[in-house]
Amino acid sequence: MSGRVRAQQQQPPFESSAPDFSGLPQDLHVAAVEPESAQVTLSGPRRGFLLFKPERLRIAARAWDLRTGVNELTISSADLSLPENLAVERIDPRRITVDVTIRSEEESMSPELDEEAQ
C-alpha cells in the first residue's frame, strides 16, 4: 500500500495583535485589556505557513457577552481567523481580563477615543 505522507510542521509562537471587540454595545467601551496580546502556536503544512501573514493574526473576542466592570474571557481557536490548513496548537495565555466601562458623552461623540483604548 502506498500513499503520500504530508509533512506537518509547527512554527515558533506568533504574537497576536490586540483583541478586536466588535459587537460591543454602543453605550459601552473597552477601557483596558490585560494582556494586550497572546502567543499563538500553529501547525500545518509548510505551504500554509508560506501563505500565512503573522501580522494579520487577530483575536475576535466575543464582545456581546461583556458587561460593565472586569470580565474574564477564554480565548479559543474559534476566536482566531486562520487559513483552513493551519491548526492552533496552543494559545498563551488563554484567558484575558477586559475592563468595560459605560461610554461617556464625549466618547460617544468621538469614536477615535474608544479605538485608542484598545
N, C-alpha and C. Protein backbone atom coordinates (compact mmCIF):
# COMPACT_ATOMS: atom_id res chain seq x y z
N MET A 1 0.83 -1.16 0.00
CA MET A 1 0.00 0.00 0.00
C MET A 1 0.89 1.24 0.00
N SER A 2 0.68 2.10 -0.96
CA SER A 2 1.48 3.32 -0.99
C SER A 2 0.56 4.52 -0.81
N GLY A 3 1.11 5.53 -0.28
CA GLY A 3 0.33 6.75 -0.05
C GLY A 3 1.26 7.90 0.21
N ARG A 4 0.71 9.07 0.13
CA ARG A 4 1.51 10.26 0.39
C ARG A 4 1.41 10.63 1.86
N VAL A 5 2.53 10.99 2.41
CA VAL A 5 2.56 11.48 3.78
C VAL A 5 2.82 12.98 3.71
N ARG A 6 1.95 13.73 4.29
CA ARG A 6 2.13 15.18 4.29
C ARG A 6 2.92 15.58 5.53
N ALA A 7 3.97 16.30 5.29
CA ALA A 7 4.79 16.76 6.41
C ALA A 7 4.09 17.91 7.12
N GLN A 8 3.91 17.76 8.41
CA GLN A 8 3.33 18.81 9.23
C GLN A 8 4.48 19.49 9.97
N GLN A 9 4.38 20.78 10.11
CA GLN A 9 5.39 21.45 10.90
C GLN A 9 4.73 22.41 11.87
N GLN A 10 5.47 22.68 12.92
CA GLN A 10 4.99 23.61 13.94
C GLN A 10 5.96 24.77 13.97
N GLN A 11 5.45 25.96 13.98
CA GLN A 11 6.27 27.16 13.99
C GLN A 11 6.39 27.70 15.41
N PRO A 12 7.43 28.50 15.66
CA PRO A 12 7.50 29.18 16.96
C PRO A 12 6.25 30.04 17.12
N PRO A 13 5.89 30.39 18.34
CA PRO A 13 4.66 31.17 18.55
C PRO A 13 4.67 32.50 17.82
N PHE A 14 3.51 32.88 17.32
CA PHE A 14 3.29 34.18 16.71
C PHE A 14 2.57 35.04 17.74
N GLU A 15 2.83 36.34 17.73
CA GLU A 15 2.14 37.22 18.66
C GLU A 15 0.93 37.83 17.97
N SER A 16 -0.22 37.75 18.63
CA SER A 16 -1.44 38.34 18.08
C SER A 16 -1.43 39.83 18.35
N SER A 17 -2.26 40.55 17.59
CA SER A 17 -2.47 41.95 17.90
C SER A 17 -3.50 42.05 19.02
N ALA A 18 -3.80 43.25 19.45
CA ALA A 18 -4.81 43.43 20.50
C ALA A 18 -6.14 42.86 20.03
N PRO A 19 -6.91 42.29 20.94
CA PRO A 19 -8.21 41.71 20.54
C PRO A 19 -9.15 42.74 19.92
N ASP A 20 -9.98 42.27 19.03
CA ASP A 20 -11.00 43.09 18.39
C ASP A 20 -12.31 42.84 19.14
N PHE A 21 -12.93 43.90 19.60
CA PHE A 21 -14.16 43.78 20.38
C PHE A 21 -15.37 44.30 19.61
N SER A 22 -15.42 44.06 18.31
CA SER A 22 -16.59 44.50 17.55
C SER A 22 -17.81 43.74 18.07
N GLY A 23 -18.94 44.39 18.06
CA GLY A 23 -20.14 43.77 18.59
C GLY A 23 -20.44 44.23 20.01
N LEU A 24 -19.56 45.04 20.58
CA LEU A 24 -19.80 45.58 21.91
C LEU A 24 -20.93 46.61 21.80
N PRO A 25 -21.92 46.57 22.70
CA PRO A 25 -23.00 47.56 22.65
C PRO A 25 -22.44 48.98 22.61
N GLN A 26 -23.10 49.88 21.89
CA GLN A 26 -22.57 51.23 21.67
C GLN A 26 -22.44 52.06 22.94
N ASP A 27 -23.19 51.73 23.99
CA ASP A 27 -23.09 52.51 25.23
C ASP A 27 -21.92 52.06 26.11
N LEU A 28 -21.16 51.04 25.67
CA LEU A 28 -20.02 50.54 26.42
C LEU A 28 -18.74 50.70 25.63
N HIS A 29 -17.61 50.73 26.33
CA HIS A 29 -16.32 50.69 25.63
C HIS A 29 -15.29 49.97 26.50
N VAL A 30 -14.27 49.45 25.83
CA VAL A 30 -13.21 48.71 26.50
C VAL A 30 -12.19 49.71 27.02
N ALA A 31 -12.05 49.78 28.34
CA ALA A 31 -11.11 50.71 28.97
C ALA A 31 -9.71 50.11 29.04
N ALA A 32 -9.62 48.78 29.24
CA ALA A 32 -8.32 48.13 29.36
C ALA A 32 -8.44 46.64 29.05
N VAL A 33 -7.34 46.10 28.53
CA VAL A 33 -7.24 44.65 28.24
C VAL A 33 -5.90 44.19 28.79
N GLU A 34 -5.92 43.08 29.52
CA GLU A 34 -4.68 42.55 30.09
C GLU A 34 -4.63 41.04 29.91
N PRO A 35 -3.66 40.48 29.27
CA PRO A 35 -2.63 41.13 28.49
C PRO A 35 -3.20 41.62 27.15
N GLU A 36 -2.45 42.46 26.47
CA GLU A 36 -2.92 43.05 25.22
C GLU A 36 -2.72 42.15 24.01
N SER A 37 -1.94 41.09 24.17
CA SER A 37 -1.72 40.16 23.06
C SER A 37 -1.53 38.76 23.62
N ALA A 38 -1.50 37.79 22.72
CA ALA A 38 -1.30 36.39 23.12
C ALA A 38 -0.29 35.75 22.17
N GLN A 39 0.39 34.73 22.66
CA GLN A 39 1.31 33.95 21.83
C GLN A 39 0.51 32.77 21.29
N VAL A 40 0.52 32.60 19.97
CA VAL A 40 -0.26 31.54 19.33
C VAL A 40 0.69 30.62 18.56
N THR A 41 0.67 29.33 18.91
CA THR A 41 1.50 28.33 18.23
C THR A 41 0.60 27.59 17.24
N LEU A 42 1.06 27.53 15.99
CA LEU A 42 0.29 26.92 14.91
C LEU A 42 1.04 25.72 14.33
N SER A 43 0.29 24.81 13.73
CA SER A 43 0.90 23.71 13.00
C SER A 43 0.15 23.54 11.69
N GLY A 44 0.81 22.92 10.74
CA GLY A 44 0.19 22.68 9.44
C GLY A 44 1.26 22.45 8.39
N PRO A 45 0.83 22.28 7.14
CA PRO A 45 1.80 22.06 6.07
C PRO A 45 2.63 23.32 5.80
N ARG A 46 3.81 23.11 5.31
CA ARG A 46 4.73 24.23 5.04
C ARG A 46 4.07 25.27 4.15
N ARG A 47 3.33 24.82 3.16
CA ARG A 47 2.67 25.74 2.24
C ARG A 47 1.71 26.68 2.98
N GLY A 48 1.05 26.18 4.01
CA GLY A 48 0.15 27.01 4.80
C GLY A 48 0.88 28.17 5.46
N PHE A 49 2.10 27.93 5.91
CA PHE A 49 2.89 28.99 6.54
C PHE A 49 3.43 29.98 5.52
N LEU A 50 3.67 29.51 4.30
CA LEU A 50 4.14 30.42 3.26
C LEU A 50 3.07 31.46 2.93
N LEU A 51 1.81 31.07 3.01
CA LEU A 51 0.71 31.98 2.68
C LEU A 51 0.22 32.78 3.89
N PHE A 52 0.61 32.37 5.08
CA PHE A 52 0.15 33.00 6.31
C PHE A 52 0.89 34.31 6.58
N LYS A 53 0.17 35.33 6.94
CA LYS A 53 0.77 36.62 7.27
C LYS A 53 0.58 36.86 8.78
N PRO A 54 1.64 36.65 9.58
CA PRO A 54 1.53 36.77 11.04
C PRO A 54 0.96 38.10 11.52
N GLU A 55 1.22 39.18 10.78
CA GLU A 55 0.71 40.48 11.22
C GLU A 55 -0.81 40.57 11.13
N ARG A 56 -1.44 39.62 10.48
CA ARG A 56 -2.90 39.58 10.38
C ARG A 56 -3.55 38.69 11.44
N LEU A 57 -2.74 38.14 12.33
CA LEU A 57 -3.27 37.27 13.38
C LEU A 57 -4.02 38.13 14.39
N ARG A 58 -5.33 37.98 14.42
CA ARG A 58 -6.19 38.79 15.29
C ARG A 58 -7.09 37.89 16.11
N ILE A 59 -7.37 38.35 17.31
CA ILE A 59 -8.34 37.68 18.18
C ILE A 59 -9.65 38.45 18.05
N ALA A 60 -10.70 37.77 17.62
CA ALA A 60 -12.03 38.37 17.54
C ALA A 60 -12.79 37.93 18.79
N ALA A 61 -12.74 38.76 19.82
CA ALA A 61 -13.35 38.41 21.11
C ALA A 61 -14.87 38.51 21.04
N ARG A 62 -15.52 37.69 21.82
CA ARG A 62 -16.99 37.66 21.87
C ARG A 62 -17.48 38.82 22.73
N ALA A 63 -17.59 39.99 22.14
CA ALA A 63 -17.90 41.21 22.88
C ALA A 63 -19.34 41.31 23.34
N TRP A 64 -20.25 40.61 22.69
CA TRP A 64 -21.66 40.72 23.07
C TRP A 64 -21.93 40.19 24.47
N ASP A 65 -21.02 39.38 25.02
CA ASP A 65 -21.17 38.83 26.37
C ASP A 65 -20.62 39.75 27.45
N LEU A 66 -19.91 40.80 27.08
CA LEU A 66 -19.24 41.64 28.06
C LEU A 66 -20.23 42.56 28.78
N ARG A 67 -19.98 42.78 30.05
CA ARG A 67 -20.78 43.67 30.89
C ARG A 67 -19.85 44.71 31.51
N THR A 68 -20.42 45.77 32.08
CA THR A 68 -19.57 46.76 32.73
C THR A 68 -18.81 46.11 33.87
N GLY A 69 -17.59 46.59 34.07
CA GLY A 69 -16.72 46.03 35.10
C GLY A 69 -15.66 45.14 34.49
N VAL A 70 -15.05 44.33 35.32
CA VAL A 70 -13.97 43.45 34.89
C VAL A 70 -14.57 42.12 34.44
N ASN A 71 -14.21 41.71 33.22
CA ASN A 71 -14.67 40.47 32.62
C ASN A 71 -13.47 39.59 32.31
N GLU A 72 -13.63 38.30 32.45
CA GLU A 72 -12.58 37.36 32.03
C GLU A 72 -13.09 36.59 30.83
N LEU A 73 -12.28 36.55 29.79
CA LEU A 73 -12.63 35.81 28.58
C LEU A 73 -11.62 34.70 28.34
N THR A 74 -12.10 33.57 27.88
CA THR A 74 -11.22 32.48 27.46
C THR A 74 -11.12 32.53 25.95
N ILE A 75 -9.90 32.59 25.45
CA ILE A 75 -9.66 32.64 24.01
C ILE A 75 -9.51 31.21 23.50
N SER A 76 -10.22 30.91 22.41
CA SER A 76 -10.13 29.58 21.80
C SER A 76 -9.74 29.73 20.34
N SER A 77 -9.48 28.63 19.68
CA SER A 77 -9.11 28.67 18.26
C SER A 77 -10.24 29.25 17.42
N ALA A 78 -11.50 29.14 17.89
CA ALA A 78 -12.63 29.72 17.15
C ALA A 78 -12.57 31.24 17.11
N ASP A 79 -11.81 31.85 18.02
CA ASP A 79 -11.68 33.31 18.07
C ASP A 79 -10.59 33.85 17.14
N LEU A 80 -9.90 32.96 16.44
CA LEU A 80 -8.81 33.35 15.55
C LEU A 80 -9.22 33.13 14.10
N SER A 81 -8.80 34.02 13.25
CA SER A 81 -9.05 33.88 11.82
C SER A 81 -7.76 33.36 11.17
N LEU A 82 -7.82 32.11 10.71
CA LEU A 82 -6.63 31.45 10.15
C LEU A 82 -6.98 30.77 8.83
N PRO A 83 -5.98 30.57 7.98
CA PRO A 83 -6.22 29.73 6.79
C PRO A 83 -6.64 28.34 7.26
N GLU A 84 -7.52 27.68 6.52
CA GLU A 84 -8.07 26.40 6.98
C GLU A 84 -7.04 25.29 7.07
N ASN A 85 -5.87 25.44 6.45
CA ASN A 85 -4.87 24.38 6.53
C ASN A 85 -3.91 24.54 7.72
N LEU A 86 -4.15 25.56 8.56
CA LEU A 86 -3.34 25.73 9.77
C LEU A 86 -4.21 25.45 10.99
N ALA A 87 -3.61 24.84 11.99
CA ALA A 87 -4.34 24.50 13.22
C ALA A 87 -3.66 25.15 14.42
N VAL A 88 -4.46 25.51 15.39
CA VAL A 88 -3.93 26.09 16.62
C VAL A 88 -3.49 24.97 17.55
N GLU A 89 -2.24 25.01 17.97
CA GLU A 89 -1.70 24.04 18.92
C GLU A 89 -1.77 24.57 20.34
N ARG A 90 -1.56 25.89 20.47
CA ARG A 90 -1.52 26.48 21.81
C ARG A 90 -1.79 27.98 21.73
N ILE A 91 -2.49 28.50 22.73
CA ILE A 91 -2.71 29.93 22.90
C ILE A 91 -2.25 30.25 24.32
N ASP A 92 -1.37 31.23 24.46
CA ASP A 92 -0.86 31.56 25.78
C ASP A 92 -0.79 33.09 25.95
N PRO A 93 -1.50 33.64 26.86
CA PRO A 93 -2.43 33.00 27.78
C PRO A 93 -3.78 32.76 27.12
N ARG A 94 -4.52 31.83 27.63
CA ARG A 94 -5.87 31.53 27.12
C ARG A 94 -6.91 32.48 27.69
N ARG A 95 -6.62 33.05 28.85
CA ARG A 95 -7.59 33.94 29.50
C ARG A 95 -7.08 35.38 29.48
N ILE A 96 -7.98 36.30 29.14
CA ILE A 96 -7.65 37.71 29.20
C ILE A 96 -8.67 38.41 30.09
N THR A 97 -8.25 39.52 30.67
CA THR A 97 -9.11 40.33 31.51
C THR A 97 -9.46 41.60 30.74
N VAL A 98 -10.76 41.91 30.69
CA VAL A 98 -11.24 43.05 29.93
C VAL A 98 -12.04 43.94 30.88
N ASP A 99 -11.63 45.21 30.98
CA ASP A 99 -12.35 46.18 31.81
C ASP A 99 -13.26 47.00 30.90
N VAL A 100 -14.56 46.90 31.14
CA VAL A 100 -15.55 47.58 30.31
C VAL A 100 -16.23 48.66 31.14
N THR A 101 -16.33 49.85 30.55
CA THR A 101 -17.00 50.96 31.23
C THR A 101 -18.12 51.51 30.35
N ILE A 102 -18.97 52.31 30.97
CA ILE A 102 -20.04 52.97 30.21
C ILE A 102 -19.41 54.15 29.48
N ARG A 103 -19.75 54.26 28.22
CA ARG A 103 -19.20 55.32 27.38
C ARG A 103 -19.75 56.68 27.84
N SER A 104 -18.86 57.65 28.00
CA SER A 104 -19.29 58.99 28.36
C SER A 104 -19.83 59.70 27.13
N GLU A 105 -20.48 60.85 27.32
CA GLU A 105 -21.00 61.61 26.17
C GLU A 105 -19.87 62.03 25.25
N GLU A 106 -18.70 62.43 25.82
CA GLU A 106 -17.55 62.81 25.00
C GLU A 106 -17.12 61.68 24.09
N GLU A 107 -17.02 60.48 24.66
CA GLU A 107 -16.59 59.32 23.89
C GLU A 107 -17.62 58.96 22.84
N SER A 108 -18.90 59.14 23.12
CA SER A 108 -19.95 58.85 22.15
C SER A 108 -19.82 59.74 20.93
N MET A 109 -19.36 60.97 21.15
CA MET A 109 -19.21 61.92 20.04
C MET A 109 -17.89 61.73 19.31
N SER A 110 -16.92 61.07 19.92
CA SER A 110 -15.59 60.91 19.34
C SER A 110 -15.17 59.45 19.37
N PRO A 111 -15.52 58.66 18.32
CA PRO A 111 -15.21 57.23 18.32
C PRO A 111 -13.72 56.90 18.38
N GLU A 112 -12.84 57.82 17.96
CA GLU A 112 -11.42 57.50 17.99
C GLU A 112 -10.89 57.35 19.41
N LEU A 113 -11.56 57.96 20.43
CA LEU A 113 -11.13 57.76 21.81
C LEU A 113 -11.26 56.29 22.19
N ASP A 114 -12.32 55.62 21.76
CA ASP A 114 -12.52 54.22 22.06
C ASP A 114 -11.44 53.36 21.41
N GLU A 115 -11.07 53.71 20.18
CA GLU A 115 -10.05 52.93 19.46
C GLU A 115 -8.70 53.04 20.14
N GLU A 116 -8.40 54.21 20.76
CA GLU A 116 -7.12 54.38 21.44
C GLU A 116 -7.01 53.46 22.65
N ALA A 117 -8.12 53.17 23.30
CA ALA A 117 -8.11 52.31 24.49
C ALA A 117 -7.83 50.87 24.13
N GLN A 118 -8.08 50.50 22.90
CA GLN A 118 -7.91 49.09 22.50
C GLN A 118 -6.57 48.82 21.98
